Amino acid sequence: MKQADLLDVNVWVALADENHTHHQKARGYWMNQSAPKVAFTRATMLGMIRLLINPVVMQNKPFALAEAISAYKAFRALPEVIWVDEGQKAATQVDDILAQWIASNKITPHMWTDSYLASLAISTECRIVSFDGDFRRFKGLSLLHLI
């Protein structure tokens, strides 16, 4: 899946919410730095909706559930937005990479979702795009760190 970006949840949330602290940075990425295709996974879709409806994350201005789902559907309707899943071949690679990182004791449980996304990105040859610098710890990962 070369030339595809796998967006972290924090980028999707910033894109969805015009009042988000990082909205302009995320929008700038979308307009000027994105790959020809940008991708959701089940984990990032669920994470985006979960965070958009969370009052703490959204600084007491959460989306209603219907609004969060509509934001997701609006992104998915765009021709440049694709869906990335493991497939059989990638699933084996994801399992192997993820198991190595977790077994190394360098990845704590709070990093397992990021570890999964990094493993999926490597196995599908996507670039991760995130505001989270913790992705730098994953050897072999193509990362665009939006700072």
C-alpha atoms as a PDB file:
ATOM      1  CA  MET A   1       0.000   0.000   0.000  1.00  0.00           C
ATOM      2  CA  LYS A   2       2.780   2.405  -0.874  1.00  0.00           C
ATOM      3  CA  GLN A   3       1.945   6.075  -0.928  1.00  0.00           C
ATOM      4  CA  ALA A   4      -0.657   5.798   1.807  1.00  0.00           C
ATOM      5  CA  ASP A   5      -0.686   7.501   5.181  1.00  0.00           C
ATOM      6  CA  LEU A   6      -2.152   5.754   8.197  1.00  0.00           C
ATOM      7  CA  LEU A   7      -3.402   8.576  10.397  1.00  0.00           C
ATOM      8  CA  ASP A   8      -3.232   8.267  14.150  1.00  0.00           C
ATOM      9  CA  VAL A   9      -6.424   8.972  16.075  1.00  0.00           C
ATOM     10  CA  ASN A  10      -5.106  12.339  17.238  1.00  0.00           C
ATOM     11  CA  VAL A  11      -4.826  13.562  13.648  1.00  0.00           C
ATOM     12  CA  TRP A  12      -8.360  12.442  12.757  1.00  0.00           C
ATOM     13  CA  VAL A  13      -9.731  14.203  15.862  1.00  0.00           C
ATOM     14  CA  ALA A  14      -7.861  17.407  15.030  1.00  0.00           C
ATOM     15  CA  LEU A  15      -9.158  17.291  11.454  1.00  0.00           C
ATOM     16  CA  ALA A  16     -12.740  16.697  12.593  1.00  0.00           C
ATOM     17  CA  ASP A  17     -12.878  19.518  15.155  1.00  0.00           C
ATOM     18  CA  GLU A  18     -12.302  23.035  13.826  1.00  0.00           C
ATOM     19  CA  ASN A  19     -11.774  24.232  17.422  1.00  0.00           C
ATOM     20  CA  HIS A  20      -9.090  21.661  18.210  1.00  0.00           C
ATOM     21  CA  THR A  21      -5.699  23.065  19.218  1.00  0.00           C
ATOM     22  CA  HIS A  22      -4.018  21.242  16.333  1.00  0.00           C
ATOM     23  CA  HIS A  23      -6.729  21.701  13.698  1.00  0.00           C
ATOM     24  CA  GLN A  24      -4.725  24.150  11.572  1.00  0.00           C
ATOM     25  CA  LYS A  25      -1.613  21.966  11.731  1.00  0.00           C
ATOM     26  CA  ALA A  26      -3.662  18.900  10.759  1.00  0.00           C
ATOM     27  CA  ARG A  27      -5.349  20.819   7.951  1.00  0.00           C
ATOM     28  CA  GLY A  28      -1.951  22.004   6.700  1.00  0.00           C
ATOM     29  CA  TYR A  29      -0.779  18.394   6.628  1.00  0.00           C
ATOM     30  CA  TRP A  30      -3.918  17.360   4.697  1.00  0.00           C
ATOM     31  CA  MET A  31      -3.478  20.119   2.128  1.00  0.00           C
ATOM     32  CA  ASN A  32       0.305  20.029   1.673  1.00  0.00           C
ATOM     33  CA  GLN A  33       1.953  16.883   3.030  1.00  0.00           C
ATOM     34  CA  SER A  34      -0.458  13.980   2.771  1.00  0.00           C
ATOM     35  CA  ALA A  35       0.150  10.947   0.642  1.00  0.00           C
ATOM     36  CA  PRO A  36      -2.244  10.375  -2.270  1.00  0.00           C
ATOM     37  CA  LYS A  37      -4.293   8.123   0.036  1.00  0.00           C
ATOM     38  CA  VAL A  38      -4.977   8.424   3.773  1.00  0.00           C
ATOM     39  CA  ALA A  39      -6.245   5.501   5.767  1.00  0.00           C
ATOM     40  CA  PHE A  40      -8.534   4.513   8.566  1.00  0.00           C
ATOM     41  CA  THR A  41      -8.384   1.209  10.415  1.00  0.00           C
ATOM     42  CA  ARG A  42     -11.026  -0.151  12.750  1.00  0.00           C
ATOM     43  CA  ALA A  43      -8.877   0.978  15.691  1.00  0.00           C
ATOM     44  CA  THR A  44      -8.549   4.564  14.417  1.00  0.00           C
ATOM     45  CA  MET A  45     -12.219   4.807  13.467  1.00  0.00           C
ATOM     46  CA  LEU A  46     -13.355   3.659  16.896  1.00  0.00           C
ATOM     47  CA  GLY A  47     -10.744   5.817  18.621  1.00  0.00           C
ATOM     48  CA  MET A  48     -11.785   8.946  16.737  1.00  0.00           C
ATOM     49  CA  ILE A  49     -15.469   8.500  17.563  1.00  0.00           C
ATOM     50  CA  ARG A  50     -14.677   7.648  21.202  1.00  0.00           C
ATOM     51  CA  LEU A  51     -12.557  10.775  21.650  1.00  0.00           C
ATOM     52  CA  LEU A  52     -14.914  13.113  19.797  1.00  0.00           C
ATOM     53  CA  ILE A  53     -17.727  12.262  22.228  1.00  0.00           C
ATOM     54  CA  ASN A  54     -15.510  12.502  25.327  1.00  0.00           C
ATOM     55  CA  PRO A  55     -16.197  15.755  27.247  1.00  0.00           C
ATOM     56  CA  VAL A  56     -12.747  15.817  28.868  1.00  0.00           C
ATOM     57  CA  VAL A  57     -10.859  15.360  25.605  1.00  0.00           C
ATOM     58  CA  MET A  58     -13.123  17.822  23.815  1.00  0.00           C
ATOM     59  CA  GLN A  59     -12.817  20.450  26.582  1.00  0.00           C
ATOM     60  CA  ASN A  60     -16.495  20.212  27.547  1.00  0.00           C
ATOM     61  CA  LYS A  61     -17.642  20.596  23.933  1.00  0.00           C
ATOM     62  CA  PRO A  62     -18.033  16.977  22.848  1.00  0.00           C
ATOM     63  CA  PHE A  63     -19.675  15.935  19.642  1.00  0.00           C
ATOM     64  CA  ALA A  64     -22.977  14.108  19.948  1.00  0.00           C
ATOM     65  CA  LEU A  65     -22.566  10.465  18.957  1.00  0.00           C
ATOM     66  CA  ALA A  66     -24.466  11.075  15.701  1.00  0.00           C
ATOM     67  CA  GLU A  67     -22.147  14.006  14.896  1.00  0.00           C
ATOM     68  CA  ALA A  68     -19.036  11.916  15.530  1.00  0.00           C
ATOM     69  CA  ILE A  69     -20.329   9.116  13.298  1.00  0.00           C
ATOM     70  CA  SER A  70     -21.231  11.677  10.620  1.00  0.00           C
ATOM     71  CA  ALA A  71     -17.705  13.110  10.779  1.00  0.00           C
ATOM     72  CA  TYR A  72     -16.305   9.621  10.241  1.00  0.00           C
ATOM     73  CA  LYS A  73     -18.678   8.947   7.346  1.00  0.00           C
ATOM     74  CA  ALA A  74     -17.790  12.297   5.751  1.00  0.00           C
ATOM     75  CA  PHE A  75     -14.101  11.383   5.819  1.00  0.00           C
ATOM     76  CA  ARG A  76     -14.806   7.904   4.432  1.00  0.00           C
ATOM     77  CA  ALA A  77     -16.796   9.419   1.555  1.00  0.00           C
ATOM     78  CA  LEU A  78     -13.718  11.307   0.322  1.00  0.00           C
ATOM     79  CA  PRO A  79     -11.980   9.610  -2.619  1.00  0.00           C
ATOM     80  CA  GLU A  80      -8.552   9.902  -0.987  1.00  0.00           C
ATOM     81  CA  VAL A  81      -9.647   8.121   2.205  1.00  0.00           C
ATOM     82  CA  ILE A  82      -9.208   4.366   2.201  1.00  0.00           C
ATOM     83  CA  TRP A  83      -9.592   1.496   4.619  1.00  0.00           C
ATOM     84  CA  VAL A  84      -6.547  -0.526   5.691  1.00  0.00           C
ATOM     85  CA  ASP A  85      -6.951  -3.870   7.346  1.00  0.00           C
ATOM     86  CA  GLU A  86      -4.567  -6.664   7.965  1.00  0.00           C
ATOM     87  CA  GLY A  87      -5.549  -9.288   5.480  1.00  0.00           C
ATOM     88  CA  GLN A  88      -4.089 -12.747   6.017  1.00  0.00           C
ATOM     89  CA  LYS A  89      -0.503 -11.977   4.980  1.00  0.00           C
ATOM     90  CA  ALA A  90      -0.267  -8.710   6.867  1.00  0.00           C
ATOM     91  CA  ALA A  91      -1.905 -10.243   9.961  1.00  0.00           C
ATOM     92  CA  THR A  92       0.981 -12.664  10.347  1.00  0.00           C
ATOM     93  CA  GLN A  93       3.500  -9.844   9.946  1.00  0.00           C
ATOM     94  CA  VAL A  94       1.595  -7.642  12.394  1.00  0.00           C
ATOM     95  CA  ASP A  95       1.514 -10.470  14.938  1.00  0.00           C
ATOM     96  CA  ASP A  96       5.239 -11.102  14.593  1.00  0.00           C
ATOM     97  CA  ILE A  97       6.294  -7.447  14.809  1.00  0.00           C
ATOM     98  CA  LEU A  98       3.931  -6.710  17.678  1.00  0.00           C
ATOM     99  CA  ALA A  99       5.045  -9.783  19.631  1.00  0.00           C
ATOM    100  CA  GLN A 100       8.704  -8.779  19.255  1.00  0.00           C
ATOM    101  CA  TRP A 101       8.086  -5.252  20.526  1.00  0.00           C
ATOM    102  CA  ILE A 102       5.966  -6.373  23.462  1.00  0.00           C
ATOM    103  CA  ALA A 103       8.426  -9.142  24.368  1.00  0.00           C
ATOM    104  CA  SER A 104      11.275  -6.640  24.375  1.00  0.00           C
ATOM    105  CA  ASN A 105       9.728  -5.106  27.526  1.00  0.00           C
ATOM    106  CA  LYS A 106      10.177  -1.679  25.969  1.00  0.00           C
ATOM    107  CA  ILE A 107       6.483  -1.397  25.193  1.00  0.00           C
ATOM    108  CA  THR A 108       4.166  -0.977  28.156  1.00  0.00           C
ATOM    109  CA  PRO A 109       0.455  -1.840  27.953  1.00  0.00           C
ATOM    110  CA  HIS A 110      -0.557   1.807  27.459  1.00  0.00           C
ATOM    111  CA  MET A 111       1.442   1.712  24.194  1.00  0.00           C
ATOM    112  CA  TRP A 112      -0.095  -1.460  22.771  1.00  0.00           C
ATOM    113  CA  THR A 113      -2.540   0.317  20.466  1.00  0.00           C
ATOM    114  CA  ASP A 114       0.258   2.489  19.098  1.00  0.00           C
ATOM    115  CA  SER A 115       2.350  -0.667  18.751  1.00  0.00           C
ATOM    116  CA  TYR A 116      -0.448  -2.283  16.781  1.00  0.00           C
ATOM    117  CA  LEU A 117      -0.799   0.742  14.471  1.00  0.00           C
ATOM    118  CA  ALA A 118       2.971   0.854  13.932  1.00  0.00           C
ATOM    119  CA  SER A 119       3.037  -2.899  13.191  1.00  0.00           C
ATOM    120  CA  LEU A 120       0.162  -2.523  10.739  1.00  0.00           C
ATOM    121  CA  ALA A 121       1.837   0.448   9.046  1.00  0.00           C
ATOM    122  CA  ILE A 122       5.081  -1.477   8.589  1.00  0.00           C
ATOM    123  CA  SER A 123       3.355  -4.596   7.287  1.00  0.00           C
ATOM    124  CA  THR A 124       1.221  -2.627   4.806  1.00  0.00           C
ATOM    125  CA  GLU A 125       4.002  -0.167   3.876  1.00  0.00           C
ATOM    126  CA  CYS A 126       2.082   2.870   5.106  1.00  0.00           C
ATOM    127  CA  ARG A 127       3.490   5.959   6.774  1.00  0.00           C
ATOM    128  CA  ILE A 128       2.143   6.814  10.224  1.00  0.00           C
ATOM    129  CA  VAL A 129       1.095  10.432  10.695  1.00  0.00           C
ATOM    130  CA  SER A 130       0.732  11.544  14.301  1.00  0.00           C
ATOM    131  CA  PHE A 131       1.140  14.338  16.802  1.00  0.00           C
ATOM    132  CA  ASP A 132       2.548  11.675  19.147  1.00  0.00           C
ATOM    133  CA  GLY A 133       6.345  11.494  19.240  1.00  0.00           C
ATOM    134  CA  ASP A 134       6.228   8.092  20.953  1.00  0.00           C
ATOM    135  CA  PHE A 135       5.992   6.513  17.507  1.00  0.00           C
ATOM    136  CA  ARG A 136       9.703   7.283  17.054  1.00  0.00           C
ATOM    137  CA  ARG A 137      10.522   4.257  19.208  1.00  0.00           C
ATOM    138  CA  PHE A 138       9.343   1.807  16.548  1.00  0.00           C
ATOM    139  CA  LYS A 139      12.274   0.683  14.416  1.00  0.00           C
ATOM    140  CA  GLY A 140      11.542   0.515  10.711  1.00  0.00           C
ATOM    141  CA  LEU A 141       8.460   2.735  10.877  1.00  0.00           C
ATOM    142  CA  SER A 142       7.949   5.497   8.350  1.00  0.00           C
ATOM    143  CA  LEU A 143       6.667   8.409  10.456  1.00  0.00           C
ATOM    144  CA  LEU A 144       5.554  11.946   9.816  1.00  0.00           C
ATOM    145  CA  HIS A 145       5.552  13.561  13.237  1.00  0.00           C
ATOM    146  CA  LEU A 146       3.365  16.658  13.157  1.00  0.00           C
ATOM    147  CA  ILE A 147       4.806  19.013  15.739  1.00  0.00           C
END
